[in-house]
mmCIF file of all heavy atoms, coordinates in Angstrom:
data_MODEL
# 
_entry.id   MODEL 
# 
loop_
_atom_site.group_PDB 
_atom_site.id 
_atom_site.type_symbol 
_atom_site.label_atom_id 
_atom_site.label_alt_id 
_atom_site.label_comp_id 
_atom_site.label_asym_id 
_atom_site.label_entity_id 
_atom_site.label_seq_id 
_atom_site.pdbx_PDB_ins_code 
_atom_site.Cartn_x 
_atom_site.Cartn_y 
_atom_site.Cartn_z 
_atom_site.occupancy 
_atom_site.B_iso_or_equiv 
_atom_site.pdbx_formal_charge 
_atom_site.auth_seq_id 
_atom_site.auth_comp_id 
_atom_site.auth_asym_id 
_atom_site.auth_atom_id 
_atom_site.pdbx_PDB_model_num 
ATOM 1   N N   . VAL A 1 1  ? 17.290 42.296 -13.884 1.00 0.00 ? 1  VAL A N   1 
ATOM 2   C CA  . VAL A 1 1  ? 16.662 43.539 -14.378 1.00 0.00 ? 1  VAL A CA  1 
ATOM 3   C C   . VAL A 1 1  ? 15.306 43.205 -15.056 1.00 0.00 ? 1  VAL A C   1 
ATOM 4   O O   . VAL A 1 1  ? 15.302 42.342 -15.953 1.00 0.00 ? 1  VAL A O   1 
ATOM 5   C CB  . VAL A 1 1  ? 17.597 44.248 -15.401 1.00 0.00 ? 1  VAL A CB  1 
ATOM 6   C CG1 . VAL A 1 1  ? 16.908 45.467 -16.000 1.00 0.00 ? 1  VAL A CG1 1 
ATOM 7   C CG2 . VAL A 1 1  ? 18.890 44.658 -14.729 1.00 0.00 ? 1  VAL A CG2 1 
ATOM 8   N N   . ALA A 1 2  ? 14.251 43.791 -14.545 1.00 0.00 ? 2  ALA A N   1 
ATOM 9   C CA  . ALA A 1 2  ? 12.943 43.573 -15.189 1.00 0.00 ? 2  ALA A CA  1 
ATOM 10  C C   . ALA A 1 2  ? 12.986 44.264 -16.584 1.00 0.00 ? 2  ALA A C   1 
ATOM 11  O O   . ALA A 1 2  ? 13.382 45.390 -16.676 1.00 0.00 ? 2  ALA A O   1 
ATOM 12  C CB  . ALA A 1 2  ? 11.845 44.132 -14.272 1.00 0.00 ? 2  ALA A CB  1 
ATOM 13  N N   . ALA A 1 3  ? 12.450 43.565 -17.555 1.00 0.00 ? 3  ALA A N   1 
ATOM 14  C CA  . ALA A 1 3  ? 12.538 44.089 -18.900 1.00 0.00 ? 3  ALA A CA  1 
ATOM 15  C C   . ALA A 1 3  ? 11.231 43.870 -19.640 1.00 0.00 ? 3  ALA A C   1 
ATOM 16  O O   . ALA A 1 3  ? 10.765 42.758 -19.783 1.00 0.00 ? 3  ALA A O   1 
ATOM 17  C CB  . ALA A 1 3  ? 13.684 43.426 -19.658 1.00 0.00 ? 3  ALA A CB  1 
ATOM 18  N N   . VAL A 1 4  ? 10.636 44.971 -20.152 1.00 0.00 ? 4  VAL A N   1 
ATOM 19  C CA  . VAL A 1 4  ? 9.462  44.890 -20.943 1.00 0.00 ? 4  VAL A CA  1 
ATOM 20  C C   . VAL A 1 4  ? 9.828  45.242 -22.377 1.00 0.00 ? 4  VAL A C   1 
ATOM 21  O O   . VAL A 1 4  ? 9.368  44.626 -23.356 1.00 0.00 ? 4  VAL A O   1 
ATOM 22  C CB  . VAL A 1 4  ? 8.339  45.840 -20.462 1.00 0.00 ? 4  VAL A CB  1 
ATOM 23  C CG1 . VAL A 1 4  ? 7.193  45.849 -21.368 1.00 0.00 ? 4  VAL A CG1 1 
ATOM 24  C CG2 . VAL A 1 4  ? 7.921  45.417 -19.057 1.00 0.00 ? 4  VAL A CG2 1 
ATOM 25  N N   . SER A 1 5  ? 10.708 46.260 -22.518 1.00 0.00 ? 5  SER A N   1 
ATOM 26  C CA  . SER A 1 5  ? 11.041 46.761 -23.906 1.00 0.00 ? 5  SER A CA  1 
ATOM 27  C C   . SER A 1 5  ? 12.402 46.292 -24.404 1.00 0.00 ? 5  SER A C   1 
ATOM 28  O O   . SER A 1 5  ? 13.146 45.680 -23.658 1.00 0.00 ? 5  SER A O   1 
ATOM 29  C CB  . SER A 1 5  ? 11.095 48.300 -23.848 1.00 0.00 ? 5  SER A CB  1 
ATOM 30  O OG  . SER A 1 5  ? 12.261 48.691 -23.026 1.00 0.00 ? 5  SER A OG  1 
ATOM 31  N N   . ASP A 1 6  ? 12.617 46.457 -25.707 1.00 0.00 ? 6  ASP A N   1 
ATOM 32  C CA  . ASP A 1 6  ? 13.932 46.107 -26.240 1.00 0.00 ? 6  ASP A CA  1 
ATOM 33  C C   . ASP A 1 6  ? 15.032 46.867 -25.574 1.00 0.00 ? 6  ASP A C   1 
ATOM 34  O O   . ASP A 1 6  ? 16.130 46.281 -25.298 1.00 0.00 ? 6  ASP A O   1 
ATOM 35  C CB  . ASP A 1 6  ? 13.965 46.496 -27.763 1.00 0.00 ? 6  ASP A CB  1 
ATOM 36  C CG  . ASP A 1 6  ? 13.116 45.547 -28.610 1.00 0.00 ? 6  ASP A CG  1 
ATOM 37  O OD1 . ASP A 1 6  ? 12.343 44.778 -28.039 1.00 0.00 ? 6  ASP A OD1 1 
ATOM 38  O OD2 . ASP A 1 6  ? 13.219 45.627 -29.838 1.00 0.00 ? 6  ASP A OD2 1 
ATOM 39  N N   . ASN A 1 7  ? 14.858 48.113 -25.281 1.00 0.00 ? 7  ASN A N   1 
ATOM 40  C CA  . ASN A 1 7  ? 15.935 48.927 -24.611 1.00 0.00 ? 7  ASN A CA  1 
ATOM 41  C C   . ASN A 1 7  ? 16.315 48.335 -23.249 1.00 0.00 ? 7  ASN A C   1 
ATOM 42  O O   . ASN A 1 7  ? 17.508 48.377 -22.855 1.00 0.00 ? 7  ASN A O   1 
ATOM 43  C CB  . ASN A 1 7  ? 15.495 50.400 -24.477 1.00 0.00 ? 7  ASN A CB  1 
ATOM 44  C CG  . ASN A 1 7  ? 15.507 51.118 -25.825 1.00 0.00 ? 7  ASN A CG  1 
ATOM 45  O OD1 . ASN A 1 7  ? 16.215 50.707 -26.731 1.00 0.00 ? 7  ASN A OD1 1 
ATOM 46  N ND2 . ASN A 1 7  ? 14.767 52.174 -25.869 1.00 0.00 ? 7  ASN A ND2 1 
ATOM 47  N N   . ALA A 1 8  ? 15.331 47.873 -22.520 1.00 0.00 ? 8  ALA A N   1 
ATOM 48  C CA  . ALA A 1 8  ? 15.665 47.355 -21.196 1.00 0.00 ? 8  ALA A CA  1 
ATOM 49  C C   . ALA A 1 8  ? 16.408 46.017 -21.346 1.00 0.00 ? 8  ALA A C   1 
ATOM 50  O O   . ALA A 1 8  ? 17.293 45.826 -20.526 1.00 0.00 ? 8  ALA A O   1 
ATOM 51  C CB  . ALA A 1 8  ? 14.296 47.074 -20.472 1.00 0.00 ? 8  ALA A CB  1 
ATOM 52  N N   . VAL A 1 9  ? 16.114 45.226 -22.314 1.00 0.00 ? 9  VAL A N   1 
ATOM 53  C CA  . VAL A 1 9  ? 16.872 43.960 -22.566 1.00 0.00 ? 9  VAL A CA  1 
ATOM 54  C C   . VAL A 1 9  ? 18.257 44.339 -22.948 1.00 0.00 ? 9  VAL A C   1 
ATOM 55  O O   . VAL A 1 9  ? 19.280 43.675 -22.462 1.00 0.00 ? 9  VAL A O   1 
ATOM 56  C CB  . VAL A 1 9  ? 16.149 43.138 -23.630 1.00 0.00 ? 9  VAL A CB  1 
ATOM 57  C CG1 . VAL A 1 9  ? 17.061 42.000 -24.078 1.00 0.00 ? 9  VAL A CG1 1 
ATOM 58  C CG2 . VAL A 1 9  ? 14.862 42.570 -23.134 1.00 0.00 ? 9  VAL A CG2 1 
ATOM 59  N N   . LYS A 1 10 ? 18.477 45.283 -23.796 1.00 0.00 ? 10 LYS A N   1 
ATOM 60  C CA  . LYS A 1 10 ? 19.820 45.704 -24.233 1.00 0.00 ? 10 LYS A CA  1 
ATOM 61  C C   . LYS A 1 10 ? 20.655 46.243 -23.042 1.00 0.00 ? 10 LYS A C   1 
ATOM 62  O O   . LYS A 1 10 ? 21.776 45.955 -22.973 1.00 0.00 ? 10 LYS A O   1 
ATOM 63  C CB  . LYS A 1 10 ? 19.725 46.737 -25.340 1.00 0.00 ? 10 LYS A CB  1 
ATOM 64  C CG  . LYS A 1 10 ? 19.162 46.229 -26.701 1.00 0.00 ? 10 LYS A CG  1 
ATOM 65  C CD  . LYS A 1 10 ? 19.077 47.357 -27.643 1.00 0.00 ? 10 LYS A CD  1 
ATOM 66  C CE  . LYS A 1 10 ? 18.554 46.859 -29.009 1.00 0.00 ? 10 LYS A CE  1 
ATOM 67  N NZ  . LYS A 1 10 ? 18.410 47.998 -29.998 1.00 0.00 ? 10 LYS A NZ  1 
ATOM 68  N N   . ARG A 1 11 ? 20.001 46.990 -22.188 1.00 0.00 ? 11 ARG A N   1 
ATOM 69  C CA  . ARG A 1 11 ? 20.673 47.517 -21.026 1.00 0.00 ? 11 ARG A CA  1 
ATOM 70  C C   . ARG A 1 11 ? 21.233 46.379 -20.152 1.00 0.00 ? 11 ARG A C   1 
ATOM 71  O O   . ARG A 1 11 ? 22.359 46.434 -19.719 1.00 0.00 ? 11 ARG A O   1 
ATOM 72  C CB  . ARG A 1 11 ? 19.740 48.414 -20.185 1.00 0.00 ? 11 ARG A CB  1 
ATOM 73  C CG  . ARG A 1 11 ? 20.386 48.990 -18.947 1.00 0.00 ? 11 ARG A CG  1 
ATOM 74  C CD  . ARG A 1 11 ? 19.315 49.815 -18.123 1.00 0.00 ? 11 ARG A CD  1 
ATOM 75  N NE  . ARG A 1 11 ? 18.923 50.970 -18.885 1.00 0.00 ? 11 ARG A NE  1 
ATOM 76  C CZ  . ARG A 1 11 ? 17.697 51.181 -19.326 1.00 0.00 ? 11 ARG A CZ  1 
ATOM 77  N NH1 . ARG A 1 11 ? 16.793 50.192 -19.077 1.00 0.00 ? 11 ARG A NH1 1 
ATOM 78  N NH2 . ARG A 1 11 ? 17.355 52.238 -19.950 1.00 0.00 ? 11 ARG A NH2 1 
ATOM 79  N N   . ALA A 1 12 ? 20.390 45.327 -19.966 1.00 0.00 ? 12 ALA A N   1 
ATOM 80  C CA  . ALA A 1 12 ? 20.832 44.231 -19.184 1.00 0.00 ? 12 ALA A CA  1 
ATOM 81  C C   . ALA A 1 12 ? 21.912 43.433 -19.874 1.00 0.00 ? 12 ALA A C   1 
ATOM 82  O O   . ALA A 1 12 ? 22.926 42.984 -19.220 1.00 0.00 ? 12 ALA A O   1 
ATOM 83  C CB  . ALA A 1 12 ? 19.625 43.347 -18.859 1.00 0.00 ? 12 ALA A CB  1 
ATOM 84  N N   . ALA A 1 13 ? 21.835 43.276 -21.171 1.00 0.00 ? 13 ALA A N   1 
ATOM 85  C CA  . ALA A 1 13 ? 22.772 42.486 -21.945 1.00 0.00 ? 13 ALA A CA  1 
ATOM 86  C C   . ALA A 1 13 ? 24.156 43.116 -21.925 1.00 0.00 ? 13 ALA A C   1 
ATOM 87  O O   . ALA A 1 13 ? 25.203 42.448 -21.877 1.00 0.00 ? 13 ALA A O   1 
ATOM 88  C CB  . ALA A 1 13 ? 22.281 42.316 -23.406 1.00 0.00 ? 13 ALA A CB  1 
ATOM 89  N N   . ARG A 1 14 ? 24.212 44.495 -22.043 1.00 0.00 ? 14 ARG A N   1 
ATOM 90  C CA  . ARG A 1 14 ? 25.447 45.114 -22.045 1.00 0.00 ? 14 ARG A CA  1 
ATOM 91  C C   . ARG A 1 14 ? 26.265 44.924 -20.769 1.00 0.00 ? 14 ARG A C   1 
ATOM 92  O O   . ARG A 1 14 ? 27.486 44.978 -20.718 1.00 0.00 ? 14 ARG A O   1 
ATOM 93  C CB  . ARG A 1 14 ? 25.286 46.640 -22.257 1.00 0.00 ? 14 ARG A CB  1 
ATOM 94  C CG  . ARG A 1 14 ? 24.830 47.029 -23.650 1.00 0.00 ? 14 ARG A CG  1 
ATOM 95  C CD  . ARG A 1 14 ? 24.934 48.515 -23.904 1.00 0.00 ? 14 ARG A CD  1 
ATOM 96  N NE  . ARG A 1 14 ? 24.116 49.315 -22.981 1.00 0.00 ? 14 ARG A NE  1 
ATOM 97  C CZ  . ARG A 1 14 ? 22.907 49.719 -23.226 1.00 0.00 ? 14 ARG A CZ  1 
ATOM 98  N NH1 . ARG A 1 14 ? 22.322 49.370 -24.346 1.00 0.00 ? 14 ARG A NH1 1 
ATOM 99  N NH2 . ARG A 1 14 ? 22.238 50.442 -22.356 1.00 0.00 ? 14 ARG A NH2 1 
ATOM 100 N N   . ARG A 1 15 ? 25.557 44.669 -19.691 1.00 0.00 ? 15 ARG A N   1 
ATOM 101 C CA  . ARG A 1 15 ? 26.117 44.480 -18.350 1.00 0.00 ? 15 ARG A CA  1 
ATOM 102 C C   . ARG A 1 15 ? 26.137 43.005 -17.945 1.00 0.00 ? 15 ARG A C   1 
ATOM 103 O O   . ARG A 1 15 ? 26.732 42.690 -16.864 1.00 0.00 ? 15 ARG A O   1 
ATOM 104 C CB  . ARG A 1 15 ? 25.304 45.285 -17.312 1.00 0.00 ? 15 ARG A CB  1 
ATOM 105 C CG  . ARG A 1 15 ? 25.371 46.802 -17.542 1.00 0.00 ? 15 ARG A CG  1 
ATOM 106 C CD  . ARG A 1 15 ? 24.425 47.489 -16.638 1.00 0.00 ? 15 ARG A CD  1 
ATOM 107 N NE  . ARG A 1 15 ? 24.441 48.911 -16.779 1.00 0.00 ? 15 ARG A NE  1 
ATOM 108 C CZ  . ARG A 1 15 ? 25.277 49.764 -16.092 1.00 0.00 ? 15 ARG A CZ  1 
ATOM 109 N NH1 . ARG A 1 15 ? 26.160 49.252 -15.228 1.00 0.00 ? 15 ARG A NH1 1 
ATOM 110 N NH2 . ARG A 1 15 ? 25.269 51.048 -16.297 1.00 0.00 ? 15 ARG A NH2 1 
ATOM 111 N N   . GLY A 1 16 ? 25.598 42.122 -18.716 1.00 0.00 ? 16 GLY A N   1 
ATOM 112 C CA  . GLY A 1 16 ? 25.623 40.721 -18.368 1.00 0.00 ? 16 GLY A CA  1 
ATOM 113 C C   . GLY A 1 16 ? 24.772 40.376 -17.223 1.00 0.00 ? 16 GLY A C   1 
ATOM 114 O O   . GLY A 1 16 ? 25.100 39.534 -16.346 1.00 0.00 ? 16 GLY A O   1 
ATOM 115 N N   . LEU A 1 17 ? 23.618 41.056 -17.068 1.00 0.00 ? 17 LEU A N   1 
ATOM 116 C CA  . LEU A 1 17 ? 22.707 40.853 -15.897 1.00 0.00 ? 17 LEU A CA  1 
ATOM 117 C C   . LEU A 1 17 ? 21.588 39.912 -16.298 1.00 0.00 ? 17 LEU A C   1 
ATOM 118 O O   . LEU A 1 17 ? 21.165 39.880 -17.463 1.00 0.00 ? 17 LEU A O   1 
ATOM 119 C CB  . LEU A 1 17 ? 22.162 42.182 -15.407 1.00 0.00 ? 17 LEU A CB  1 
ATOM 120 C CG  . LEU A 1 17 ? 23.205 43.261 -15.003 1.00 0.00 ? 17 LEU A CG  1 
ATOM 121 C CD1 . LEU A 1 17 ? 22.526 44.532 -14.668 1.00 0.00 ? 17 LEU A CD1 1 
ATOM 122 C CD2 . LEU A 1 17 ? 24.070 42.725 -13.899 1.00 0.00 ? 17 LEU A CD2 1 
ATOM 123 N N   . ASN A 1 18 ? 21.034 39.198 -15.300 1.00 0.00 ? 18 ASN A N   1 
ATOM 124 C CA  . ASN A 1 18 ? 19.884 38.333 -15.531 1.00 0.00 ? 18 ASN A CA  1 
ATOM 125 C C   . ASN A 1 18 ? 18.656 39.202 -15.873 1.00 0.00 ? 18 ASN A C   1 
ATOM 126 O O   . ASN A 1 18 ? 18.603 40.359 -15.524 1.00 0.00 ? 18 ASN A O   1 
ATOM 127 C CB  . ASN A 1 18 ? 19.566 37.554 -14.267 1.00 0.00 ? 18 ASN A CB  1 
ATOM 128 C CG  . ASN A 1 18 ? 20.719 36.636 -13.887 1.00 0.00 ? 18 ASN A CG  1 
ATOM 129 O OD1 . ASN A 1 18 ? 21.310 35.935 -14.688 1.00 0.00 ? 18 ASN A OD1 1 
ATOM 130 N ND2 . ASN A 1 18 ? 21.026 36.634 -12.575 1.00 0.00 ? 18 ASN A ND2 1 
ATOM 131 N N   . VAL A 1 19 ? 17.741 38.600 -16.596 1.00 0.00 ? 19 VAL A N   1 
ATOM 132 C CA  . VAL A 1 19 ? 16.572 39.360 -17.138 1.00 0.00 ? 19 VAL A CA  1 
ATOM 133 C C   . VAL A 1 19 ? 15.334 38.717 -16.632 1.00 0.00 ? 19 VAL A C   1 
ATOM 134 O O   . VAL A 1 19 ? 15.160 37.454 -16.677 1.00 0.00 ? 19 VAL A O   1 
ATOM 135 C CB  . VAL A 1 19 ? 16.555 39.422 -18.675 1.00 0.00 ? 19 VAL A CB  1 
ATOM 136 C CG1 . VAL A 1 19 ? 15.228 39.970 -19.154 1.00 0.00 ? 19 VAL A CG1 1 
ATOM 137 C CG2 . VAL A 1 19 ? 17.686 40.310 -19.165 1.00 0.00 ? 19 VAL A CG2 1 
ATOM 138 N N   . LEU A 1 20 ? 14.359 39.505 -16.150 1.00 0.00 ? 20 LEU A N   1 
ATOM 139 C CA  . LEU A 1 20 ? 13.060 39.038 -15.782 1.00 0.00 ? 20 LEU A CA  1 
ATOM 140 C C   . LEU A 1 20 ? 12.039 39.657 -16.757 1.00 0.00 ? 20 LEU A C   1 
ATOM 141 O O   . LEU A 1 20 ? 11.823 40.893 -16.704 1.00 0.00 ? 20 LEU A O   1 
ATOM 142 C CB  . LEU A 1 20 ? 12.665 39.368 -14.337 1.00 0.00 ? 20 LEU A CB  1 
ATOM 143 C CG  . LEU A 1 20 ? 11.306 38.929 -13.869 1.00 0.00 ? 20 LEU A CG  1 
ATOM 144 C CD1 . LEU A 1 20 ? 11.186 37.379 -13.915 1.00 0.00 ? 20 LEU A CD1 1 
ATOM 145 C CD2 . LEU A 1 20 ? 11.039 39.460 -12.492 1.00 0.00 ? 20 LEU A CD2 1 
ATOM 146 N N   . LEU A 1 21 ? 11.477 38.837 -17.616 1.00 0.00 ? 21 LEU A N   1 
ATOM 147 C CA  . LEU A 1 21 ? 10.543 39.329 -18.639 1.00 0.00 ? 21 LEU A CA  1 
ATOM 148 C C   . LEU A 1 21 ? 9.166  39.376 -18.024 1.00 0.00 ? 21 LEU A C   1 
ATOM 149 O O   . LEU A 1 21 ? 8.845  38.820 -16.970 1.00 0.00 ? 21 LEU A O   1 
ATOM 150 C CB  . LEU A 1 21 ? 10.522 38.372 -19.877 1.00 0.00 ? 21 LEU A CB  1 
ATOM 151 C CG  . LEU A 1 21 ? 11.899 38.239 -20.546 1.00 0.00 ? 21 LEU A CG  1 
ATOM 152 C CD1 . LEU A 1 21 ? 11.737 37.170 -21.706 1.00 0.00 ? 21 LEU A CD1 1 
ATOM 153 C CD2 . LEU A 1 21 ? 12.350 39.550 -21.080 1.00 0.00 ? 21 LEU A CD2 1 
ATOM 154 N N   . SER A 1 22 ? 8.303  40.082 -18.681 1.00 0.00 ? 22 SER A N   1 
ATOM 155 C CA  . SER A 1 22 ? 6.923  40.432 -18.214 1.00 0.00 ? 22 SER A CA  1 
ATOM 156 C C   . SER A 1 22 ? 5.913  39.315 -18.420 1.00 0.00 ? 22 SER A C   1 
ATOM 157 O O   . SER A 1 22 ? 6.034  38.519 -19.351 1.00 0.00 ? 22 SER A O   1 
ATOM 158 C CB  . SER A 1 22 ? 6.491  41.729 -18.858 1.00 0.00 ? 22 SER A CB  1 
ATOM 159 O OG  . SER A 1 22 ? 5.156  41.980 -18.573 1.00 0.00 ? 22 SER A OG  1 
ATOM 160 N N   . ASP A 1 23 ? 4.864  39.370 -17.655 1.00 0.00 ? 23 ASP A N   1 
ATOM 161 C CA  . ASP A 1 23 ? 3.734  38.436 -17.895 1.00 0.00 ? 23 ASP A CA  1 
ATOM 162 C C   . ASP A 1 23 ? 2.945  38.903 -19.135 1.00 0.00 ? 23 ASP A C   1 
ATOM 163 O O   . ASP A 1 23 ? 2.019  38.271 -19.578 1.00 0.00 ? 23 ASP A O   1 
ATOM 164 C CB  . ASP A 1 23 ? 2.835  38.350 -16.696 1.00 0.00 ? 23 ASP A CB  1 
ATOM 165 C CG  . ASP A 1 23 ? 2.425  39.696 -16.123 1.00 0.00 ? 23 ASP A CG  1 
ATOM 166 O OD1 . ASP A 1 23 ? 2.545  40.731 -16.857 1.00 0.00 ? 23 ASP A OD1 1 
ATOM 167 O OD2 . ASP A 1 23 ? 1.968  39.791 -14.979 1.00 0.00 ? 23 ASP A OD2 1 
ATOM 168 N N   . ALA A 1 24 ? 3.302  40.106 -19.630 1.00 0.00 ? 24 ALA A N   1 
ATOM 169 C CA  . ALA A 1 24 ? 2.680  40.543 -20.908 1.00 0.00 ? 24 ALA A CA  1 
ATOM 170 C C   . ALA A 1 24 ? 3.347  39.916 -22.145 1.00 0.00 ? 24 ALA A C   1 
ATOM 171 O O   . ALA A 1 24 ? 2.754  40.091 -23.239 1.00 0.00 ? 24 ALA A O   1 
ATOM 172 C CB  . ALA A 1 24 ? 2.808  42.086 -21.023 1.00 0.00 ? 24 ALA A CB  1 
ATOM 173 N N   . HIS A 1 25 ? 4.432  39.227 -22.024 1.00 0.00 ? 25 HIS A N   1 
ATOM 174 C CA  . HIS A 1 25 ? 5.146  38.621 -23.111 1.00 0.00 ? 25 HIS A CA  1 
ATOM 175 C C   . HIS A 1 25 ? 4.660  37.169 -23.306 1.00 0.00 ? 25 HIS A C   1 
ATOM 176 O O   . HIS A 1 25 ? 4.757  36.379 -22.438 1.00 0.00 ? 25 HIS A O   1 
ATOM 177 C CB  . HIS A 1 25 ? 6.672  38.588 -22.898 1.00 0.00 ? 25 HIS A CB  1 
ATOM 178 C CG  . HIS A 1 25 ? 7.271  39.943 -22.754 1.00 0.00 ? 25 HIS A CG  1 
ATOM 179 N ND1 . HIS A 1 25 ? 8.160  40.272 -21.762 1.00 0.00 ? 25 HIS A ND1 1 
ATOM 180 C CD2 . HIS A 1 25 ? 7.150  41.044 -23.528 1.00 0.00 ? 25 HIS A CD2 1 
ATOM 181 C CE1 . HIS A 1 25 ? 8.538  41.513 -21.910 1.00 0.00 ? 25 HIS A CE1 1 
ATOM 182 N NE2 . HIS A 1 25 ? 7.942  41.999 -22.967 1.00 0.00 ? 25 HIS A NE2 1 
ATOM 183 N N   . ASP A 1 26 ? 4.190  36.918 -24.559 1.00 0.00 ? 26 ASP A N   1 
ATOM 184 C CA  . ASP A 1 26 ? 3.896  35.497 -24.876 1.00 0.00 ? 26 ASP A CA  1 
ATOM 185 C C   . ASP A 1 26 ? 5.215  34.777 -25.156 1.00 0.00 ? 26 ASP A C   1 
ATOM 186 O O   . ASP A 1 26 ? 6.258  35.363 -25.223 1.00 0.00 ? 26 ASP A O   1 
ATOM 187 C CB  . ASP A 1 26 ? 2.854  35.433 -25.981 1.00 0.00 ? 26 ASP A CB  1 
ATOM 188 C CG  . ASP A 1 26 ? 3.289  35.998 -27.314 1.00 0.00 ? 26 ASP A CG  1 
ATOM 189 O OD1 . ASP A 1 26 ? 4.544  36.232 -27.471 1.00 0.00 ? 26 ASP A OD1 1 
ATOM 190 O OD2 . ASP A 1 26 ? 2.429  36.379 -28.122 1.00 0.00 ? 26 ASP A OD2 1 
# 
């Protein structure tokens, strides 16, 4: 699951899915 925001990360975490963070994140 591509994640930019906190909500997107939480959505993936509740389901135990891998996360792809953005190139906007340091």
